[in-house]
Amino acid sequence: MFLKIRQRFFLNDLVIEIQEPQKSSFKALLRDHNGNICRSVEMKTETNQSLYKWNGLNELPYGVYTCEILEGIQEMTMQLVKRI
């Protein structure tokens, strides 16, 4: 399964795109500029699910964040910006 985040800027949610959907699970962490975990979520995907919307990020302060997505031994890291 290959995952990517559709946008580098976000307001209230993030959309994670699953390029080769299959039944699986992965964990996502959102860290602030100090490296502290601000939010985390474990997601289960189905074979026909190509998008996952990570809601509930509206209470985070504006700024730069790092998103880490972990699936098995694979890890993806991306820098994101929460903006107005």
Protein backbone atom coordinates (compact mmCIF):
# COMPACT_ATOMS: atom_id res chain seq x y z
CA MET A 1 0.00 0.00 0.00
CA PHE A 2 1.36 3.42 -0.93
CA LEU A 3 0.08 6.50 0.93
CA LYS A 4 0.41 10.23 0.37
CA ILE A 5 -1.07 13.41 1.74
CA ARG A 6 -2.94 15.38 -0.89
CA GLN A 7 -2.06 18.88 0.34
CA ARG A 8 0.84 20.50 2.21
CA PHE A 9 -1.45 23.13 3.76
CA PHE A 10 -4.43 22.32 5.98
CA LEU A 11 -7.09 24.03 8.06
CA ASN A 12 -9.35 21.52 9.84
CA ASP A 13 -8.47 18.15 8.31
CA LEU A 14 -5.97 16.22 6.20
CA VAL A 15 -6.79 13.93 3.30
CA ILE A 16 -4.58 10.85 3.00
CA GLU A 17 -4.64 9.17 -0.39
CA ILE A 18 -4.16 5.41 -0.64
CA GLN A 19 -2.73 4.61 -4.07
CA GLU A 20 -3.01 0.83 -3.95
CA PRO A 21 -5.97 0.21 -1.60
CA GLN A 22 -5.98 -3.05 0.30
CA LYS A 23 -7.21 -4.20 3.68
CA SER A 24 -4.59 -2.94 6.08
CA SER A 25 -3.93 -0.50 8.89
CA PHE A 26 -1.52 2.34 9.50
CA LYS A 27 -0.75 4.94 12.14
CA ALA A 28 -0.37 8.67 11.59
CA LEU A 29 1.33 11.14 13.94
CA LEU A 30 1.25 14.91 13.73
CA ARG A 31 4.18 16.63 15.47
CA ASP A 32 4.68 20.33 16.17
CA HIS A 33 7.92 22.24 15.45
CA ASN A 34 9.35 21.07 18.83
CA GLY A 35 8.78 17.40 17.96
CA ASN A 36 5.88 16.93 20.39
CA ILE A 37 3.04 14.69 19.22
CA CYS A 38 -0.07 16.86 18.86
CA ARG A 39 -2.41 14.28 17.36
CA SER A 40 -2.26 10.60 16.45
CA VAL A 41 -4.67 8.24 14.83
CA GLU A 42 -4.73 4.58 13.82
CA MET A 43 -6.60 3.91 10.61
CA LYS A 44 -7.93 0.71 9.13
CA THR A 45 -8.42 0.65 5.38
CA GLU A 46 -10.46 -1.56 3.10
CA THR A 47 -9.70 -2.81 -0.40
CA ASN A 48 -12.03 -0.27 -2.04
CA GLN A 49 -11.06 2.74 0.14
CA SER A 50 -8.75 5.17 -1.67
CA LEU A 51 -9.11 8.23 0.61
CA TYR A 52 -9.05 8.74 4.36
CA LYS A 53 -10.02 12.07 5.91
CA TRP A 54 -8.30 12.87 9.22
CA ASN A 55 -10.72 15.21 11.01
CA GLY A 56 -10.45 17.10 14.27
CA LEU A 57 -7.38 19.22 13.57
CA ASN A 58 -9.19 22.57 13.83
CA GLU A 59 -8.09 23.18 17.46
CA LEU A 60 -4.38 22.99 16.63
CA PRO A 61 -2.55 26.35 16.54
CA TYR A 62 -1.36 27.69 13.21
CA GLY A 63 2.21 26.78 12.25
CA VAL A 64 4.51 24.12 10.81
CA TYR A 65 3.91 20.44 11.57
CA THR A 66 5.49 17.13 10.61
CA CYS A 67 3.22 14.24 9.68
CA GLU A 68 4.58 10.71 10.06
CA ILE A 69 2.68 7.80 8.55
CA LEU A 70 3.75 4.33 9.65
CA GLU A 71 2.60 1.13 7.96
CA GLY A 72 4.47 -1.98 9.00
CA ILE A 73 8.15 -1.24 8.40
CA GLN A 74 7.39 1.58 5.95
CA GLU A 75 7.49 5.17 7.13
CA MET A 76 6.62 8.39 5.33
CA THR A 77 7.37 11.87 6.71
CA MET A 78 6.07 15.14 5.32
CA GLN A 79 6.22 18.73 6.51
CA LEU A 80 2.83 20.51 6.57
CA VAL A 81 1.57 23.98 7.40
CA LYS A 82 -1.64 24.78 9.22
CA ARG A 83 -2.78 28.14 7.97
CA ILE A 84 -5.59 30.62 8.39
